[in-house]
Amino acid sequence: MNSEPTPFRVRLAECEADILAAQRLRYRVFIEELGGDGPLVDHAGRFERDEFDPVNDHLVLIDRRRDPARLDHVVGVYRLLRWDRAAAFGRYYCDGEYDLARLRACGRRALELGRSCVAAELRGGPAMFLLWNALAQYVLDHRIEILFGVASFHGTDPAPLRLPLSWLHHHHLAPPVLRVRARPEGFQRMDLIPPEGLDRRQAMAAMPALIKAYLRLGGFVGEGAFIDRDFNTTDVFLLMDTAAMSHRHKGFYTRKHEARV
């Protein structure tokens, strides 16, 4: 018996309506849900945007049951900035929070991931899997070797975050050659609890789902968190080196997924 086709499709944004719908979704998540803000946020139109949008590829999850004219057809998004475009533009988004000198010095093909979000009503379902499936193909198509970006804890008070931050510092710190460091103006120590005082189960329970997903793929973190007061978040730098992944982790990028998008 054939299953019903999914109403979702993942592709790169193709038109202004796709970009606007992605920015509208980002507004709902980052501004309305999380209390963020920024100099280019359009509160009247309810669009979360910044100066990096024109130089990124926007990987969008489309709900084909929704009307693009209403700008609600994008229900998931990933923003992608390749190393060559960042070089032409002059910087990555992460340059504002971390010193990326070591990352640039490695000379490898890198991809910055950012502004990842899914509509609230679709969280916990297949939406993020579909986005990651398409991201895997993008990585293969462009022969990406390093993936990185910031992932966020809600809030700017480090006290409630001391357990997960300490776990990340003591168990997932990036190797020195790729270990970027948070910039001084927002630097927050992550080694707030000694290793012997940590409980893995409790630490992972306090970890955002996106960070846990990166860790399962063999991700590392940079040194120090960054307090982003505009977005009301505590950010950690996450990095994945595809050459260093285990065979199991590499399967994410190399196996053929059977999901119909």
Protein backbone atom coordinates (compact mmCIF):
# COMPACT_ATOMS: atom_id res chain seq x y z
CA MET A 1 0.00 0.00 0.00
CA ASN A 2 1.47 3.35 -1.03
CA SER A 3 1.80 6.05 1.58
CA GLU A 4 0.45 9.49 0.82
CA PRO A 5 3.01 11.93 -0.61
CA THR A 6 4.36 14.49 1.80
CA PRO A 7 3.10 18.07 1.41
CA PHE A 8 6.63 19.32 2.08
CA ARG A 9 9.40 20.18 -0.34
CA VAL A 10 12.93 21.41 0.44
CA ARG A 11 14.82 23.61 -2.01
CA LEU A 12 16.87 26.78 -2.21
CA ALA A 13 14.86 30.00 -2.20
CA GLU A 14 14.01 30.92 -5.77
CA CYS A 15 12.23 34.28 -5.57
CA GLU A 16 11.54 37.28 -3.38
CA ALA A 17 8.42 35.64 -1.94
CA ASP A 18 10.55 32.75 -0.65
CA ILE A 19 13.00 35.14 1.03
CA LEU A 20 10.23 37.23 2.55
CA ALA A 21 8.45 34.14 3.83
CA ALA A 22 11.71 32.90 5.37
CA GLN A 23 12.21 36.28 7.06
CA ARG A 24 8.60 36.20 8.28
CA LEU A 25 9.17 32.77 9.84
CA ARG A 26 12.40 34.00 11.43
CA TYR A 27 10.49 36.93 12.91
CA ARG A 28 7.96 34.60 14.49
CA VAL A 29 10.69 32.44 16.03
CA PHE A 30 13.54 34.80 16.89
CA ILE A 31 11.61 37.99 17.66
CA GLU A 32 8.15 36.95 18.86
CA GLU A 33 9.09 33.68 20.58
CA LEU A 34 12.61 34.42 21.82
CA GLY A 35 12.43 38.19 22.31
CA GLY A 36 15.28 39.12 19.96
CA ASP A 37 15.82 42.31 17.98
CA GLY A 38 18.28 43.87 15.56
CA PRO A 39 18.97 47.05 13.59
CA LEU A 40 17.36 45.80 10.36
CA VAL A 41 14.38 44.00 11.90
CA ASP A 42 11.12 45.21 10.33
CA HIS A 43 8.60 45.11 13.17
CA ALA A 44 5.85 46.72 11.11
CA GLY A 45 6.08 44.10 8.37
CA ARG A 46 7.20 41.32 10.78
CA PHE A 47 10.40 40.43 8.93
CA GLU A 48 13.65 39.41 10.67
CA ARG A 49 16.46 40.40 8.31
CA ASP A 50 20.06 41.55 8.32
CA GLU A 51 22.84 42.57 5.95
CA PHE A 52 23.91 38.95 5.34
CA ASP A 53 20.67 37.83 3.71
CA PRO A 54 21.62 38.89 0.15
CA VAL A 55 24.90 36.89 0.15
CA ASN A 56 23.51 33.66 1.60
CA ASP A 57 21.73 30.74 0.04
CA HIS A 58 18.44 30.15 1.86
CA LEU A 59 17.45 26.50 2.20
CA VAL A 60 13.70 26.52 2.73
CA LEU A 61 11.15 23.92 3.73
CA ILE A 62 7.98 24.60 1.75
CA ASP A 63 4.50 23.53 2.79
CA ARG A 64 2.78 23.15 -0.58
CA ARG A 65 -0.65 23.44 1.05
CA ARG A 66 -0.01 27.10 1.89
CA ASP A 67 -0.34 30.13 -0.35
CA PRO A 68 2.97 31.84 -1.25
CA ALA A 69 1.06 35.11 -1.67
CA ARG A 70 0.42 35.09 2.09
CA LEU A 71 4.13 34.59 2.81
CA ASP A 72 3.44 31.66 5.12
CA HIS A 73 4.55 28.83 2.81
CA VAL A 74 8.07 28.61 4.29
CA VAL A 75 7.87 26.52 7.47
CA GLY A 76 11.57 25.82 7.97
CA VAL A 77 14.78 27.53 6.95
CA TYR A 78 18.56 27.26 7.04
CA ARG A 79 20.80 30.10 5.93
CA LEU A 80 24.01 28.99 4.17
CA LEU A 81 27.15 31.06 3.55
CA ARG A 82 29.99 29.41 1.64
CA TRP A 83 33.64 30.30 2.18
CA ASP A 84 34.02 31.90 -1.27
CA ARG A 85 31.02 34.20 -0.86
CA ALA A 86 32.14 35.15 2.65
CA ALA A 87 35.58 36.06 1.28
CA ALA A 88 34.01 38.29 -1.38
CA PHE A 89 31.64 39.86 1.16
CA GLY A 90 34.44 40.37 3.67
CA ARG A 91 33.17 38.41 6.68
CA TYR A 92 30.97 35.71 8.12
CA TYR A 93 28.11 36.35 10.50
CA CYS A 94 30.12 34.54 13.20
CA ASP A 95 32.93 37.10 12.88
CA GLY A 96 30.81 39.37 15.05
CA GLU A 97 30.98 36.91 17.95
CA TYR A 98 34.11 34.80 17.48
CA ASP A 99 37.68 35.25 16.29
CA LEU A 100 37.76 33.00 13.21
CA ALA A 101 41.48 33.37 12.46
CA ARG A 102 42.21 29.68 13.10
CA LEU A 103 39.30 28.58 10.95
CA ARG A 104 40.47 30.73 8.05
CA ALA A 105 44.08 29.62 8.48
CA CYS A 106 43.16 25.98 7.90
CA GLY A 107 42.43 26.86 4.24
CA ARG A 108 39.59 24.34 3.89
CA ARG A 109 36.22 24.72 2.18
CA ALA A 110 33.84 25.95 4.88
CA LEU A 111 30.11 26.54 5.15
CA GLU A 112 28.52 28.75 7.77
CA LEU A 113 25.08 27.61 8.94
CA GLY A 114 22.74 30.12 10.49
CA ARG A 115 19.20 31.29 11.23
CA SER A 116 17.97 27.73 11.53
CA CYS A 117 14.34 27.49 12.61
CA VAL A 118 11.15 25.52 12.09
CA ALA A 119 7.56 26.62 12.63
CA ALA A 120 6.43 25.76 16.15
CA GLU A 121 3.62 23.47 15.01
CA LEU A 122 6.08 21.26 13.08
CA ARG A 123 8.77 20.80 15.71
CA GLY A 124 9.32 17.23 16.75
CA GLY A 125 8.22 15.93 13.34
CA PRO A 126 10.16 15.26 10.13
CA ALA A 127 10.79 18.95 9.28
CA MET A 128 14.35 19.19 10.60
CA PHE A 129 15.23 15.81 9.07
CA LEU A 130 14.05 17.02 5.67
CA LEU A 131 16.15 20.18 5.99
CA TRP A 132 19.21 18.19 7.05
CA ASN A 133 18.72 15.75 4.22
CA ALA A 134 18.84 18.62 1.73
CA LEU A 135 21.76 20.21 3.60
CA ALA A 136 23.70 16.96 3.21
CA GLN A 137 23.25 17.14 -0.56
CA TYR A 138 24.39 20.79 -0.57
CA VAL A 139 27.52 19.80 1.36
CA LEU A 140 28.30 17.08 -1.18
CA ASP A 141 27.59 19.31 -4.19
CA HIS A 142 29.99 22.01 -2.98
CA ARG A 143 32.57 19.64 -1.47
CA ILE A 144 32.32 21.29 1.94
CA GLU A 145 34.87 20.16 4.52
CA ILE A 146 34.02 22.30 7.55
CA LEU A 147 30.54 23.24 8.75
CA PHE A 148 30.12 25.81 11.49
CA GLY A 149 27.79 28.31 13.07
CA VAL A 150 26.43 29.47 16.38
CA ALA A 151 23.66 27.70 18.25
CA SER A 152 21.81 29.37 21.06
CA PHE A 153 20.55 28.89 24.57
CA HIS A 154 17.64 31.16 25.43
CA GLY A 155 18.54 33.97 27.82
CA THR A 156 21.70 35.86 28.75
CA ASP A 157 22.16 34.77 32.38
CA PRO A 158 24.87 32.06 32.49
CA ALA A 159 23.83 30.74 35.92
CA PRO A 160 20.93 28.53 34.72
CA LEU A 161 23.14 27.31 31.84
CA ARG A 162 26.19 26.34 33.86
CA LEU A 163 25.55 22.59 33.58
CA PRO A 164 25.19 22.28 29.78
CA LEU A 165 27.87 24.91 29.11
CA SER A 166 30.33 23.09 31.36
CA TRP A 167 29.54 19.75 29.73
CA LEU A 168 30.25 21.21 26.30
CA HIS A 169 33.54 22.73 27.48
CA HIS A 170 34.85 19.61 29.19
CA HIS A 171 33.64 16.99 26.67
CA HIS A 172 33.28 18.63 23.26
CA LEU A 173 35.95 21.33 22.94
CA ALA A 174 37.32 21.64 19.41
CA PRO A 175 40.92 20.57 18.69
CA PRO A 176 43.39 23.47 19.08
CA VAL A 177 43.93 23.95 15.34
CA LEU A 178 40.22 24.78 14.89
CA ARG A 179 39.41 26.16 18.34
CA VAL A 180 38.00 29.63 17.76
CA ARG A 181 37.44 31.90 20.77
CA ALA A 182 34.53 34.17 21.68
CA ARG A 183 35.25 37.86 21.31
CA PRO A 184 36.03 39.73 24.55
CA GLU A 185 33.01 42.04 24.42
CA GLY A 186 30.61 39.10 24.82
CA PHE A 187 32.89 36.40 26.25
CA GLN A 188 31.41 34.04 28.83
CA ARG A 189 33.43 31.24 30.41
CA MET A 190 31.91 27.82 29.89
CA ASP A 191 33.92 25.87 32.49
CA LEU A 192 31.58 26.88 35.30
CA ILE A 193 31.45 23.45 36.96
CA PRO A 194 34.46 21.10 37.34
CA PRO A 195 34.28 17.81 35.38
CA GLU A 196 33.73 15.70 38.48
CA GLY A 197 30.62 17.71 39.31
CA LEU A 198 28.83 16.99 36.02
CA ASP A 199 26.02 14.55 35.32
CA ARG A 200 25.67 13.65 31.65
CA ARG A 201 21.94 12.93 31.77
CA GLN A 202 21.15 16.25 33.44
CA ALA A 203 23.47 18.16 31.10
CA MET A 204 21.90 16.69 27.97
CA ALA A 205 18.38 17.28 29.29
CA ALA A 206 19.23 21.00 29.54
CA MET A 207 20.76 21.10 26.04
CA PRO A 208 18.77 22.57 23.11
CA ALA A 209 17.73 19.94 20.58
CA LEU A 210 19.76 21.50 17.77
CA ILE A 211 22.98 21.39 19.81
CA LYS A 212 22.35 17.77 20.75
CA ALA A 213 21.86 16.93 17.09
CA TYR A 214 25.21 18.50 16.17
CA LEU A 215 26.93 16.61 18.97
CA ARG A 216 25.52 13.32 17.67
CA LEU A 217 27.17 14.13 14.34
CA GLY A 218 30.53 14.56 16.04
CA GLY A 219 30.39 18.33 16.50
CA PHE A 220 32.80 20.40 18.58
CA VAL A 221 32.44 23.75 20.33
CA GLY A 222 34.69 26.80 20.42
CA GLU A 223 36.22 28.33 23.52
CA GLY A 224 33.79 30.43 25.49
CA ALA A 225 30.16 31.31 24.87
CA PHE A 226 29.06 34.69 23.52
CA ILE A 227 26.31 36.72 25.18
CA ASP A 228 24.11 38.13 22.41
CA ARG A 229 21.91 40.73 24.11
CA ASP A 230 20.19 41.79 20.88
CA PHE A 231 18.82 38.29 20.39
CA ASN A 232 18.49 37.50 24.12
CA THR A 233 20.63 34.39 23.74
CA THR A 234 23.82 32.76 24.94
CA ASP A 235 25.56 31.45 21.84
CA VAL A 236 28.06 28.63 21.45
CA PHE A 237 30.19 28.07 18.38
CA LEU A 238 29.60 24.66 16.81
CA LEU A 239 31.90 23.09 14.24
CA MET A 240 31.89 19.83 12.31
CA ASP A 241 34.95 18.56 10.46
CA THR A 242 33.74 16.07 7.88
CA ALA A 243 37.21 14.51 7.59
CA ALA A 244 37.27 13.73 11.31
CA MET A 245 33.80 12.22 11.52
CA SER A 246 33.41 8.58 12.42
CA HIS A 247 32.12 6.19 9.76
CA ARG A 248 28.69 6.27 11.39
CA HIS A 249 28.59 10.07 11.35
CA LYS A 250 29.81 10.30 7.77
CA GLY A 251 26.83 8.21 6.73
CA PHE A 252 24.71 11.32 7.26
CA TYR A 253 26.46 12.95 4.32
CA THR A 254 27.02 9.99 2.04
CA ARG A 255 24.05 7.62 2.29
CA LYS A 256 21.06 7.97 0.02
CA HIS A 257 17.99 8.90 1.99
CA GLU A 258 14.73 7.37 0.93
CA ALA A 259 12.53 10.17 2.25
CA ARG A 260 10.50 11.80 -0.51
CA VAL A 261 10.74 15.59 -0.33
